[in-house]
Amino acid sequence: MVKERNVVTAIILSIVTCGIYGIVWMIGMTDDAAHLNDDANMKGVNAFLFTLITCGIYSYFWAYKMGKTMNEVGNKKGVQIADNSILYLILSIFGLGIVNYCLIQSDLNKFATPVQQ
């Protein structure tokens, strides 16, 4: 099950917590994408640890991979999602990873189960 997250709230929480929520957000998005793509090897904690160990270099690969993964998920589920892997890579190189988070979360929210009230 994919958790729907409000992008604006996630950005505000990331700023208020000095980036700690951004880490939680990245891990959650990675796990949600892996769940949708039935990829048991893709784990959010691993992505964070590799990014930490490589001093951020792995985040470029992560951004590219998430673009490819979201495109594959869209094709499997019949939802129109563009292959934004190059865009995500370029945004990461220029230090705009938060924009990647917003775009990826927006795509993930298309697969979120609506909350019943």
PDB file of N, CA and C in Angstrom:
ATOM      1  N   MET A   1       0.840  -1.175   0.000  1.00  0.00           N
ATOM      2  CA  MET A   1       0.000   0.000   0.000  1.00  0.00           C
ATOM      3  C   MET A   1       0.894   1.249   0.000  1.00  0.00           C
ATOM      4  N   VAL A   2       0.584   2.166  -0.878  1.00  0.00           N
ATOM      5  CA  VAL A   2       1.338   3.401  -1.001  1.00  0.00           C
ATOM      6  C   VAL A   2       0.685   4.470  -0.136  1.00  0.00           C
ATOM      7  N   LYS A   3       1.522   5.151   0.631  1.00  0.00           N
ATOM      8  CA  LYS A   3       1.014   6.193   1.509  1.00  0.00           C
ATOM      9  C   LYS A   3       0.976   7.521   0.759  1.00  0.00           C
ATOM     10  N   GLU A   4      -0.187   8.149   0.751  1.00  0.00           N
ATOM     11  CA  GLU A   4      -0.302   9.466   0.127  1.00  0.00           C
ATOM     12  C   GLU A   4       0.273  10.515   1.072  1.00  0.00           C
ATOM     13  N   ARG A   5       1.160  11.328   0.526  1.00  0.00           N
ATOM     14  CA  ARG A   5       1.777  12.389   1.320  1.00  0.00           C
ATOM     15  C   ARG A   5       1.486  13.729   0.669  1.00  0.00           C
ATOM     16  N   ASN A   6       1.193  14.719   1.481  1.00  0.00           N
ATOM     17  CA  ASN A   6       1.002  16.071   0.986  1.00  0.00           C
ATOM     18  C   ASN A   6       2.386  16.669   0.748  1.00  0.00           C
ATOM     19  N   VAL A   7       2.642  17.088  -0.482  1.00  0.00           N
ATOM     20  CA  VAL A   7       3.967  17.573  -0.866  1.00  0.00           C
ATOM     21  C   VAL A   7       4.347  18.830  -0.087  1.00  0.00           C
ATOM     22  N   VAL A   8       3.419  19.770   0.052  1.00  0.00           N
ATOM     23  CA  VAL A   8       3.706  21.019   0.760  1.00  0.00           C
ATOM     24  C   VAL A   8       4.038  20.742   2.223  1.00  0.00           C
ATOM     25  N   THR A   9       3.271  19.885   2.851  1.00  0.00           N
ATOM     26  CA  THR A   9       3.532  19.531   4.251  1.00  0.00           C
ATOM     27  C   THR A   9       4.897  18.865   4.393  1.00  0.00           C
ATOM     28  N   ALA A  10       5.228  17.994   3.460  1.00  0.00           N
ATOM     29  CA  ALA A  10       6.524  17.311   3.514  1.00  0.00           C
ATOM     30  C   ALA A  10       7.680  18.297   3.366  1.00  0.00           C
ATOM     31  N   ILE A  11       7.526  19.289   2.494  1.00  0.00           N
ATOM     32  CA  ILE A  11       8.574  20.303   2.329  1.00  0.00           C
ATOM     33  C   ILE A  11       8.734  21.109   3.619  1.00  0.00           C
ATOM     34  N   ILE A  12       7.618  21.535   4.182  1.00  0.00           N
ATOM     35  CA  ILE A  12       7.664  22.326   5.417  1.00  0.00           C
ATOM     36  C   ILE A  12       8.297  21.519   6.551  1.00  0.00           C
ATOM     37  N   LEU A  13       7.906  20.254   6.682  1.00  0.00           N
ATOM     38  CA  LEU A  13       8.496  19.408   7.727  1.00  0.00           C
ATOM     39  C   LEU A  13       9.990  19.197   7.496  1.00  0.00           C
ATOM     40  N   SER A  14      10.395  19.076   6.243  1.00  0.00           N
ATOM     41  CA  SER A  14      11.819  18.915   5.934  1.00  0.00           C
ATOM     42  C   SER A  14      12.613  20.148   6.346  1.00  0.00           C
ATOM     43  N   ILE A  15      12.036  21.318   6.124  1.00  0.00           N
ATOM     44  CA  ILE A  15      12.714  22.564   6.499  1.00  0.00           C
ATOM     45  C   ILE A  15      12.753  22.717   8.016  1.00  0.00           C
ATOM     46  N   VAL A  16      11.619  22.499   8.669  1.00  0.00           N
ATOM     47  CA  VAL A  16      11.522  22.685  10.118  1.00  0.00           C
ATOM     48  C   VAL A  16      12.436  21.706  10.870  1.00  0.00           C
ATOM     49  N   THR A  17      12.566  20.492  10.365  1.00  0.00           N
ATOM     50  CA  THR A  17      13.391  19.485  11.045  1.00  0.00           C
ATOM     51  C   THR A  17      14.833  19.472  10.543  1.00  0.00           C
ATOM     52  N   CYS A  18      15.218  20.505   9.801  1.00  0.00           N
ATOM     53  CA  CYS A  18      16.588  20.636   9.274  1.00  0.00           C
ATOM     54  C   CYS A  18      16.994  19.437   8.414  1.00  0.00           C
ATOM     55  N   GLY A  19      16.059  18.925   7.664  1.00  0.00           N
ATOM     56  CA  GLY A  19      16.340  17.858   6.709  1.00  0.00           C
ATOM     57  C   GLY A  19      16.089  16.454   7.200  1.00  0.00           C
ATOM     58  N   ILE A  20      15.818  16.298   8.479  1.00  0.00           N
ATOM     59  CA  ILE A  20      15.603  14.943   9.001  1.00  0.00           C
ATOM     60  C   ILE A  20      14.358  14.317   8.382  1.00  0.00           C
ATOM     61  N   TYR A  21      13.282  15.095   8.259  1.00  0.00           N
ATOM     62  CA  TYR A  21      12.086  14.534   7.632  1.00  0.00           C
ATOM     63  C   TYR A  21      12.361  14.237   6.153  1.00  0.00           C
ATOM     64  N   GLY A  22      13.247  14.984   5.528  1.00  0.00           N
ATOM     65  CA  GLY A  22      13.608  14.711   4.137  1.00  0.00           C
ATOM     66  C   GLY A  22      14.196  13.320   3.971  1.00  0.00           C
ATOM     67  N   ILE A  23      14.961  12.884   4.966  1.00  0.00           N
ATOM     68  CA  ILE A  23      15.523  11.530   4.947  1.00  0.00           C
ATOM     69  C   ILE A  23      14.404  10.501   5.060  1.00  0.00           C
ATOM     70  N   VAL A  24      13.506  10.730   6.004  1.00  0.00           N
ATOM     71  CA  VAL A  24      12.368   9.820   6.184  1.00  0.00           C
ATOM     72  C   VAL A  24      11.519   9.785   4.910  1.00  0.00           C
ATOM     73  N   TRP A  25      11.336  10.942   4.303  1.00  0.00           N
ATOM     74  CA  TRP A  25      10.551  11.059   3.071  1.00  0.00           C
ATOM     75  C   TRP A  25      11.205  10.269   1.939  1.00  0.00           C
ATOM     76  N   MET A  26      12.517  10.398   1.793  1.00  0.00           N
ATOM     77  CA  MET A  26      13.244   9.669   0.748  1.00  0.00           C
ATOM     78  C   MET A  26      13.122   8.165   0.942  1.00  0.00           C
ATOM     79  N   ILE A  27      13.295   7.728   2.183  1.00  0.00           N
ATOM     80  CA  ILE A  27      13.187   6.300   2.478  1.00  0.00           C
ATOM     81  C   ILE A  27      11.783   5.800   2.166  1.00  0.00           C
ATOM     82  N   GLY A  28      10.768   6.560   2.554  1.00  0.00           N
ATOM     83  CA  GLY A  28       9.380   6.175   2.291  1.00  0.00           C
ATOM     84  C   GLY A  28       9.059   6.122   0.809  1.00  0.00           C
ATOM     85  N   MET A  29       9.533   7.100   0.058  1.00  0.00           N
ATOM     86  CA  MET A  29       9.280   7.099  -1.392  1.00  0.00           C
ATOM     87  C   MET A  29       9.944   5.911  -2.063  1.00  0.00           C
ATOM     88  N   THR A  30      11.163   5.601  -1.642  1.00  0.00           N
ATOM     89  CA  THR A  30      11.879   4.464  -2.224  1.00  0.00           C
ATOM     90  C   THR A  30      11.148   3.164  -1.928  1.00  0.00           C
ATOM     91  N   ASP A  31      10.705   2.999  -0.694  1.00  0.00           N
ATOM     92  CA  ASP A  31       9.969   1.789  -0.327  1.00  0.00           C
ATOM     93  C   ASP A  31       8.641   1.691  -1.075  1.00  0.00           C
ATOM     94  N   ASP A  32       7.941   2.815  -1.237  1.00  0.00           N
ATOM     95  CA  ASP A  32       6.675   2.808  -1.972  1.00  0.00           C
ATOM     96  C   ASP A  32       6.888   2.434  -3.438  1.00  0.00           C
ATOM     97  N   ALA A  33       7.931   2.991  -4.052  1.00  0.00           N
ATOM     98  CA  ALA A  33       8.221   2.676  -5.461  1.00  0.00           C
ATOM     99  C   ALA A  33       8.606   1.212  -5.609  1.00  0.00           C
ATOM    100  N   ALA A  34       9.380   0.685  -4.655  1.00  0.00           N
ATOM    101  CA  ALA A  34       9.762  -0.725  -4.695  1.00  0.00           C
ATOM    102  C   ALA A  34       8.541  -1.627  -4.548  1.00  0.00           C
ATOM    103  N   HIS A  35       7.625  -1.240  -3.668  1.00  0.00           N
ATOM    104  CA  HIS A  35       6.391  -2.010  -3.474  1.00  0.00           C
ATOM    105  C   HIS A  35       5.564  -2.035  -4.762  1.00  0.00           C
ATOM    106  N   LEU A  36       5.433  -0.892  -5.401  1.00  0.00           N
ATOM    107  CA  LEU A  36       4.650  -0.826  -6.637  1.00  0.00           C
ATOM    108  C   LEU A  36       5.294  -1.607  -7.769  1.00  0.00           C
ATOM    109  N   ASN A  37       6.621  -1.647  -7.796  1.00  0.00           N
ATOM    110  CA  ASN A  37       7.345  -2.311  -8.880  1.00  0.00           C
ATOM    111  C   ASN A  37       7.694  -3.761  -8.536  1.00  0.00           C
ATOM    112  N   ASP A  38       7.260  -4.237  -7.377  1.00  0.00           N
ATOM    113  CA  ASP A  38       7.564  -5.597  -6.910  1.00  0.00           C
ATOM    114  C   ASP A  38       9.064  -5.877  -6.949  1.00  0.00           C
ATOM    115  N   ASP A  39       9.844  -4.924  -6.468  1.00  0.00           N
ATOM    116  CA  ASP A  39      11.298  -5.038  -6.455  1.00  0.00           C
ATOM    117  C   ASP A  39      11.757  -5.238  -5.017  1.00  0.00           C
ATOM    118  N   ALA A  40      12.058  -6.479  -4.667  1.00  0.00           N
ATOM    119  CA  ALA A  40      12.453  -6.791  -3.290  1.00  0.00           C
ATOM    120  C   ALA A  40      13.859  -6.285  -2.970  1.00  0.00           C
ATOM    121  N   ASN A  41      14.660  -6.010  -3.988  1.00  0.00           N
ATOM    122  CA  ASN A  41      16.034  -5.568  -3.756  1.00  0.00           C
ATOM    123  C   ASN A  41      16.146  -4.074  -3.483  1.00  0.00           C
ATOM    124  N   MET A  42      15.100  -3.323  -3.785  1.00  0.00           N
ATOM    125  CA  MET A  42      15.133  -1.871  -3.636  1.00  0.00           C
ATOM    126  C   MET A  42      14.606  -1.506  -2.249  1.00  0.00           C
ATOM    127  N   LYS A  43      15.476  -1.001  -1.408  1.00  0.00           N
ATOM    128  CA  LYS A  43      15.094  -0.651  -0.036  1.00  0.00           C
ATOM    129  C   LYS A  43      15.494   0.786   0.264  1.00  0.00           C
ATOM    130  N   GLY A  44      14.600   1.513   0.907  1.00  0.00           N
ATOM    131  CA  GLY A  44      14.839   2.907   1.215  1.00  0.00           C
ATOM    132  C   GLY A  44      16.001   3.130   2.161  1.00  0.00           C
ATOM    133  N   VAL A  45      16.125   2.282   3.173  1.00  0.00           N
ATOM    134  CA  VAL A  45      17.215   2.430   4.132  1.00  0.00           C
ATOM    135  C   VAL A  45      18.555   2.224   3.431  1.00  0.00           C
ATOM    136  N   ASN A  46      18.619   1.260   2.534  1.00  0.00           N
ATOM    137  CA  ASN A  46      19.856   1.027   1.790  1.00  0.00           C
ATOM    138  C   ASN A  46      20.211   2.244   0.941  1.00  0.00           C
ATOM    139  N   ALA A  47      19.221   2.819   0.282  1.00  0.00           N
ATOM    140  CA  ALA A  47      19.466   4.001  -0.553  1.00  0.00           C
ATOM    141  C   ALA A  47      20.022   5.138   0.305  1.00  0.00           C
ATOM    142  N   PHE A  48      19.461   5.336   1.478  1.00  0.00           N
ATOM    143  CA  PHE A  48      19.961   6.390   2.370  1.00  0.00           C
ATOM    144  C   PHE A  48      21.384   6.083   2.826  1.00  0.00           C
ATOM    145  N   LEU A  49      21.653   4.848   3.229  1.00  0.00           N
ATOM    146  CA  LEU A  49      22.988   4.492   3.701  1.00  0.00           C
ATOM    147  C   LEU A  49      24.038   4.633   2.597  1.00  0.00           C
ATOM    148  N   PHE A  50      23.698   4.204   1.381  1.00  0.00           N
ATOM    149  CA  PHE A  50      24.632   4.355   0.258  1.00  0.00           C
ATOM    150  C   PHE A  50      24.897   5.825  -0.033  1.00  0.00           C
ATOM    151  N   THR A  51      23.858   6.652   0.074  1.00  0.00           N
ATOM    152  CA  THR A  51      24.036   8.090  -0.128  1.00  0.00           C
ATOM    153  C   THR A  51      24.955   8.655   0.947  1.00  0.00           C
ATOM    154  N   LEU A  52      24.770   8.220   2.173  1.00  0.00           N
ATOM    155  CA  LEU A  52      25.596   8.683   3.290  1.00  0.00           C
ATOM    156  C   LEU A  52      27.051   8.234   3.124  1.00  0.00           C
ATOM    157  N   ILE A  53      27.242   6.967   2.785  1.00  0.00           N
ATOM    158  CA  ILE A  53      28.585   6.405   2.651  1.00  0.00           C
ATOM    159  C   ILE A  53      29.354   7.067   1.504  1.00  0.00           C
ATOM    160  N   THR A  54      28.657   7.378   0.416  1.00  0.00           N
ATOM    161  CA  THR A  54      29.325   7.958  -0.765  1.00  0.00           C
ATOM    162  C   THR A  54      29.326   9.477  -0.741  1.00  0.00           C
ATOM    163  N   CYS A  55      28.981  10.064   0.386  1.00  0.00           N
ATOM    164  CA  CYS A  55      28.946  11.533   0.536  1.00  0.00           C
ATOM    165  C   CYS A  55      28.030  12.191  -0.492  1.00  0.00           C
ATOM    166  N   GLY A  56      26.929  11.562  -0.787  1.00  0.00           N
ATOM    167  CA  GLY A  56      25.914  12.146  -1.658  1.00  0.00           C
ATOM    168  C   GLY A  56      25.964  11.710  -3.107  1.00  0.00           C
ATOM    169  N   ILE A  57      27.027  11.060  -3.527  1.00  0.00           N
ATOM    170  CA  ILE A  57      27.153  10.676  -4.935  1.00  0.00           C
ATOM    171  C   ILE A  57      26.066   9.680  -5.332  1.00  0.00           C
ATOM    172  N   TYR A  58      25.733   8.758  -4.438  1.00  0.00           N
ATOM    173  CA  TYR A  58      24.700   7.764  -4.754  1.00  0.00           C
ATOM    174  C   TYR A  58      23.350   8.422  -5.021  1.00  0.00           C
ATOM    175  N   SER A  59      23.129   9.608  -4.484  1.00  0.00           N
ATOM    176  CA  SER A  59      21.836  10.272  -4.683  1.00  0.00           C
ATOM    177  C   SER A  59      21.579  10.569  -6.160  1.00  0.00           C
ATOM    178  N   TYR A  60      22.640  10.764  -6.941  1.00  0.00           N
ATOM    179  CA  TYR A  60      22.469  10.978  -8.378  1.00  0.00           C
ATOM    180  C   TYR A  60      21.913   9.712  -9.037  1.00  0.00           C
ATOM    181  N   PHE A  61      22.504   8.578  -8.682  1.00  0.00           N
ATOM    182  CA  PHE A  61      22.009   7.304  -9.216  1.00  0.00           C
ATOM    183  C   PHE A  61      20.589   7.047  -8.733  1.00  0.00           C
ATOM    184  N   TRP A  62      20.331   7.345  -7.453  1.00  0.00           N
ATOM    185  CA  TRP A  62      18.995   7.132  -6.886  1.00  0.00           C
ATOM    186  C   TRP A  62      17.954   7.933  -7.667  1.00  0.00           C
ATOM    187  N   ALA A  63      18.244   9.182  -7.957  1.00  0.00           N
ATOM    188  CA  ALA A  63      17.307  10.032  -8.692  1.00  0.00           C
ATOM    189  C   ALA A  63      17.034   9.456 -10.075  1.00  0.00           C
ATOM    190  N   TYR A  64      18.086   9.049 -10.767  1.00  0.00           N
ATOM    191  CA  TYR A  64      17.928   8.454 -12.101  1.00  0.00           C
ATOM    192  C   TYR A  64      17.096   7.172 -12.022  1.00  0.00           C
ATOM    193  N   LYS A  65      17.419   6.321 -11.059  1.00  0.00           N
ATOM    194  CA  LYS A  65      16.719   5.042 -10.881  1.00  0.00           C
ATOM    195  C   LYS A  65      15.245   5.259 -10.539  1.00  0.00           C
ATOM    196  N   MET A  66      14.948   6.246  -9.709  1.00  0.00           N
ATOM    197  CA  MET A  66      13.551   6.517  -9.371  1.00  0.00           C
ATOM    198  C   MET A  66      12.763   6.974 -10.593  1.00  0.00           C
ATOM    199  N   GLY A  67      13.384   7.751 -11.465  1.00  0.00           N
ATOM    200  CA  GLY A  67      12.716   8.151 -12.703  1.00  0.00           C
ATOM    201  C   GLY A  67      12.366   6.946 -13.561  1.00  0.00           C
ATOM    202  N   LYS A  68      13.315   6.031 -13.700  1.00  0.00           N
ATOM    203  CA  LYS A  68      13.072   4.807 -14.474  1.00  0.00           C
ATOM    204  C   LYS A  68      12.015   3.931 -13.803  1.00  0.00           C
ATOM    205  N   THR A  69      12.108   3.806 -12.489  1.00  0.00           N
ATOM    206  CA  THR A  69      11.164   2.962 -11.750  1.00  0.00           C
ATOM    207  C   THR A  69       9.741   3.496 -11.863  1.00  0.00           C
ATOM    208  N   MET A  70       9.575   4.803 -11.702  1.00  0.00           N
ATOM    209  CA  MET A  70       8.231   5.378 -11.787  1.00  0.00           C
ATOM    210  C   MET A  70       7.646   5.201 -13.191  1.00  0.00           C
ATOM    211  N   ASN A  71       8.480   5.292 -14.222  1.00  0.00           N
ATOM    212  CA  ASN A  71       8.020   5.062 -15.581  1.00  0.00           C
ATOM    213  C   ASN A  71       7.578   3.613 -15.766  1.00  0.00           C
ATOM    214  N   GLU A  72       8.353   2.673 -15.233  1.00  0.00           N
ATOM    215  CA  GLU A  72       7.993   1.252 -15.315  1.00  0.00           C
ATOM    216  C   GLU A  72       6.688   0.973 -14.584  1.00  0.00           C
ATOM    217  N   VAL A  73       6.538   1.550 -13.399  1.00  0.00           N
ATOM    218  CA  VAL A  73       5.312   1.358 -12.612  1.00  0.00           C
ATOM    219  C   VAL A  73       4.113   1.906 -13.382  1.00  0.00           C
ATOM    220  N   GLY A  74       4.266   3.079 -13.965  1.00  0.00           N
ATOM    221  CA  GLY A  74       3.187   3.660 -14.748  1.00  0.00           C
ATOM    222  C   GLY A  74       2.786   2.773 -15.907  1.00  0.00           C
ATOM    223  N   ASN A  75       3.772   2.217 -16.595  1.00  0.00           N
ATOM    224  CA  ASN A  75       3.471   1.317 -17.716  1.00  0.00           C
ATOM    225  C   ASN A  75       2.762   0.054 -17.250  1.00  0.00           C
ATOM    226  N   LYS A  76       3.193  -0.517 -16.103  1.00  0.00           N
ATOM    227  CA  LYS A  76       2.568  -1.726 -15.571  1.00  0.00           C
ATOM    228  C   LYS A  76       1.127  -1.478 -15.134  1.00  0.00           C
ATOM    229  N   LYS A  77       0.893  -0.317 -14.523  1.00  0.00           N
ATOM    230  CA  LYS A  77      -0.413  -0.027 -13.932  1.00  0.00           C
ATOM    231  C   LYS A  77      -1.339   0.737 -14.875  1.00  0.00           C
ATOM    232  N   GLY A  78      -0.858   1.088 -16.058  1.00  0.00           N
ATOM    233  CA  GLY A  78      -1.694   1.793 -17.015  1.00  0.00           C
ATOM    234  C   GLY A  78      -1.902   3.263 -16.694  1.00  0.00           C
ATOM    235  N   VAL A  79      -0.932   3.867 -16.019  1.00  0.00           N
ATOM    236  CA  VAL A  79      -1.002   5.284 -15.674  1.00  0.00           C
ATOM    237  C   VAL A  79       0.095   6.001 -16.448  1.00  0.00           C
ATOM    238  N   GLN A  80      -0.255   7.132 -17.036  1.00  0.00           N
ATOM    239  CA  GLN A  80       0.700   7.891 -17.834  1.00  0.00           C
ATOM    240  C   GLN A  80       1.707   8.608 -16.936  1.00  0.00           C
ATOM    241  N   ILE A  81       2.946   8.092 -16.902  1.00  0.00           N
ATOM    242  CA  ILE A  81       4.031   8.728 -16.161  1.00  0.00           C
ATOM    243  C   ILE A  81       5.233   8.784 -17.093  1.00  0.00           C
ATOM    244  N   ALA A  82       5.729   9.975 -17.317  1.00  0.00           N
ATOM    245  CA  ALA A  82       6.862  10.162 -18.226  1.00  0.00           C
ATOM    246  C   ALA A  82       8.148   9.622 -17.599  1.00  0.00           C
ATOM    247  N   ASP A  83       9.092   9.292 -18.455  1.00  0.00           N
ATOM    248  CA  ASP A  83      10.417   8.873 -18.000  1.00  0.00           C
ATOM    249  C   ASP A  83      11.224  10.134 -17.696  1.00  0.00           C
ATOM    250  N   ASN A  84      11.223  10.525 -16.428  1.00  0.00           N
ATOM    251  CA  ASN A  84      11.892  11.747 -15.998  1.00  0.00           C
ATOM    252  C   ASN A  84      13.278  11.487 -15.428  1.00  0.00           C
ATOM    253  N   SER A  85      13.859  10.352 -15.747  1.00  0.00           N
ATOM    254  CA  SER A  85      15.135   9.987 -15.127  1.00  0.00           C
ATOM    255  C   SER A  85      16.240  11.002 -15.407  1.00  0.00           C
ATOM    256  N   ILE A  86      16.348  11.497 -16.629  1.00  0.00           N
ATOM    257  CA  ILE A  86      17.378  12.481 -16.962  1.00  0.00           C
ATOM    258  C   ILE A  86      17.097  13.807 -16.250  1.00  0.00           C
ATOM    259  N   LEU A  87      15.840  14.207 -16.203  1.00  0.00           N
ATOM    260  CA  LEU A  87      15.465  15.427 -15.493  1.00  0.00           C
ATOM    261  C   LEU A  87      15.845  15.331 -14.021  1.00  0.00           C
ATOM    262  N   TYR A  88      15.537  14.195 -13.389  1.00  0.00           N
ATOM    263  CA  TYR A  88      15.870  14.004 -11.982  1.00  0.00           C
ATOM    264  C   TYR A  88      17.379  14.049 -11.768  1.00  0.00           C
ATOM    265  N   LEU A  89      18.136  13.454 -12.668  1.00  0.00           N
ATOM    266  CA  LEU A  89      19.587  13.467 -12.567  1.00  0.00           C
ATOM    267  C   LEU A  89      20.129  14.889 -12.655  1.00  0.00           C
ATOM    268  N   ILE A  90      19.634  15.652 -13.614  1.00  0.00           N
ATOM    269  CA  ILE A  90      20.093  17.036 -13.790  1.00  0.00           C
ATOM    270  C   ILE A  90      19.730  17.887 -12.576  1.00  0.00           C
ATOM    271  N   LEU A  91      18.509  17.724 -12.074  1.00  0.00           N
ATOM    272  CA  LEU A  91      18.112  18.472 -10.884  1.00  0.00           C
ATOM    273  C   LEU A  91      18.993  18.126  -9.690  1.00  0.00           C
ATOM    274  N   SER A  92      19.357  16.858  -9.555  1.00  0.00           N
ATOM    275  CA  SER A  92      20.235  16.449  -8.456  1.00  0.00           C
ATOM    276  C   SER A  92      21.617  17.060  -8.589  1.00  0.00           C
ATOM    277  N   ILE A  93      22.133  17.076  -9.799  1.00  0.00           N
ATOM    278  CA  ILE A  93      23.463  17.643 -10.031  1.00  0.00           C
ATOM    279  C   ILE A  93      23.485  19.122  -9.641  1.00  0.00           C
ATOM    280  N   PHE A  94      22.401  19.827  -9.922  1.00  0.00           N
ATOM    281  CA  PHE A  94      22.332  21.253  -9.598  1.00  0.00           C
ATOM    282  C   PHE A  94      21.829  21.530  -8.183  1.00  0.00           C
ATOM    283  N   GLY A  95      21.734  20.492  -7.356  1.00  0.00           N
ATOM    284  CA  GLY A  95      21.380  20.687  -5.956  1.00  0.00           C
ATOM    285  C   GLY A  95      19.899  20.902  -5.701  1.00  0.00           C
ATOM    286  N   LEU A  96      19.065  20.475  -6.618  1.00  0.00           N
ATOM    287  CA  LEU A  96      17.618  20.655  -6.472  1.00  0.00           C
ATOM    288  C   LEU A  96      16.920  19.324  -6.201  1.00  0.00           C
ATOM    289  N   GLY A  97      17.496  18.540  -5.299  1.00  0.00           N
ATOM    290  CA  GLY A  97      16.926  17.237  -4.961  1.00  0.00           C
ATOM    291  C   GLY A  97      15.527  17.335  -4.386  1.00  0.00           C
ATOM    292  N   ILE A  98      15.233  18.419  -3.679  1.00  0.00           N
ATOM    293  CA  ILE A  98      13.897  18.593  -3.103  1.00  0.00           C
ATOM    294  C   ILE A  98      12.839  18.671  -4.195  1.00  0.00           C
ATOM    295  N   VAL A  99      13.200  19.206  -5.344  1.00  0.00           N
ATOM    296  CA  VAL A  99      12.266  19.248  -6.479  1.00  0.00           C
ATOM    297  C   VAL A  99      12.003  17.830  -6.965  1.00  0.00           C
ATOM    298  N   ASN A 100      13.049  16.999  -6.987  1.00  0.00           N
ATOM    299  CA  ASN A 100      12.867  15.584  -7.336  1.00  0.00           C
ATOM    300  C   ASN A 100      11.886  14.918  -6.383  1.00  0.00           C
ATOM    301  N   TYR A 101      12.067  15.167  -5.102  1.00  0.00           N
ATOM    302  CA  TYR A 101      11.178  14.578  -4.110  1.00  0.00           C
ATOM    303  C   TYR A 101       9.726  14.952  -4.402  1.00  0.00           C
ATOM    304  N   CYS A 102       9.499  16.216  -4.730  1.00  0.00           N
ATOM    305  CA  CYS A 102       8.136  16.690  -5.000  1.00  0.00           C
ATOM    306  C   CYS A 102       7.560  16.008  -6.236  1.00  0.00           C
ATOM    307  N   LEU A 103       8.348  15.911  -7.291  1.00  0.00           N
ATOM    308  CA  LEU A 103       7.868  15.295  -8.532  1.00  0.00           C
ATOM    309  C   LEU A 103       7.616  13.794  -8.350  1.00  0.00           C
ATOM    310  N   ILE A 104       8.524  13.124  -7.661  1.00  0.00           N
ATOM    311  CA  ILE A 104       8.355  11.690  -7.418  1.00  0.00           C
ATOM    312  C   ILE A 104       7.135  11.442  -6.537  1.00  0.00           C
ATOM    313  N   GLN A 105       6.985  12.241  -5.487  1.00  0.00           N
ATOM    314  CA  GLN A 105       5.829  12.071  -4.599  1.00  0.00           C
ATOM    315  C   GLN A 105       4.533  12.336  -5.334  1.00  0.00           C
ATOM    316  N   SER A 106       4.535  13.296  -6.221  1.00  0.00           N
ATOM    317  CA  SER A 106       3.345  13.583  -7.012  1.00  0.00           C
ATOM    318  C   SER A 106       2.954  12.367  -7.856  1.00  0.00           C
ATOM    319  N   ASP A 107       3.951  11.710  -8.437  1.00  0.00           N
ATOM    320  CA  ASP A 107       3.671  10.492  -9.208  1.00  0.00           C
ATOM    321  C   ASP A 107       3.219   9.358  -8.303  1.00  0.00           C
ATOM    322  N   LEU A 108       3.850   9.214  -7.144  1.00  0.00           N
ATOM    323  CA  LEU A 108       3.460   8.149  -6.213  1.00  0.00           C
ATOM    324  C   LEU A 108       2.041   8.347  -5.698  1.00  0.00           C
ATOM    325  N   ASN A 109       1.622   9.600  -5.507  1.00  0.00           N
ATOM    326  CA  ASN A 109       0.283   9.861  -5.011  1.00  0.00           C
ATOM    327  C   ASN A 109      -0.799   9.377  -5.984  1.00  0.00           C
ATOM    328  N   LYS A 110      -0.459   9.185  -7.241  1.00  0.00           N
ATOM    329  CA  LYS A 110      -1.419   8.662  -8.213  1.00  0.00           C
ATOM    330  C   LYS A 110      -1.792   7.227  -7.898  1.00  0.00           C
ATOM    331  N   PHE A 111      -0.936   6.532  -7.150  1.00  0.00           N
ATOM    332  CA  PHE A 111      -1.182   5.121  -6.829  1.00  0.00           C
ATOM    333  C   PHE A 111      -1.621   4.921  -5.378  1.00  0.00           C
ATOM    334  N   ALA A 112      -1.735   5.997  -4.633  1.00  0.00           N
ATOM    335  CA  ALA A 112      -2.103   5.905  -3.223  1.00  0.00           C
ATOM    336  C   ALA A 112      -3.558   5.486  -3.064  1.00  0.00           C
ATOM    337  N   THR A 113      -3.792   4.682  -2.048  1.00  0.00           N
ATOM    338  CA  THR A 113      -5.148   4.255  -1.727  1.00  0.00           C
ATOM    339  C   THR A 113      -5.842   5.383  -0.998  1.00  0.00           C
ATOM    340  N   PRO A 114      -7.020   5.805  -1.473  1.00  0.00           N
ATOM    341  CA  PRO A 114      -7.720   6.899  -0.794  1.00  0.00           C
ATOM    342  C   PRO A 114      -8.093   6.512   0.638  1.00  0.00           C
ATOM    343  N   VAL A 115      -7.973   7.489   1.524  1.00  0.00           N
ATOM    344  CA  VAL A 115      -8.324   7.281   2.926  1.00  0.00           C
ATOM    345  C   VAL A 115      -9.826   7.455   3.073  1.00  0.00           C
ATOM    346  N   GLN A 116     -10.477   6.441   3.673  1.00  0.00           N
ATOM    347  CA  GLN A 116     -11.923   6.506   3.868  1.00  0.00           C
ATOM    348  C   GLN A 116     -12.215   7.163   5.207  1.00  0.00           C
ATOM    349  N   GLN A 117     -13.192   8.066   5.191  1.00  0.00           N
ATOM    350  CA  GLN A 117     -13.524   8.774   6.422  1.00  0.00           C
ATOM    351  C   GLN A 117     -14.882   8.375   6.925  1.00  0.00           C
TER     352      GLN A 117
END
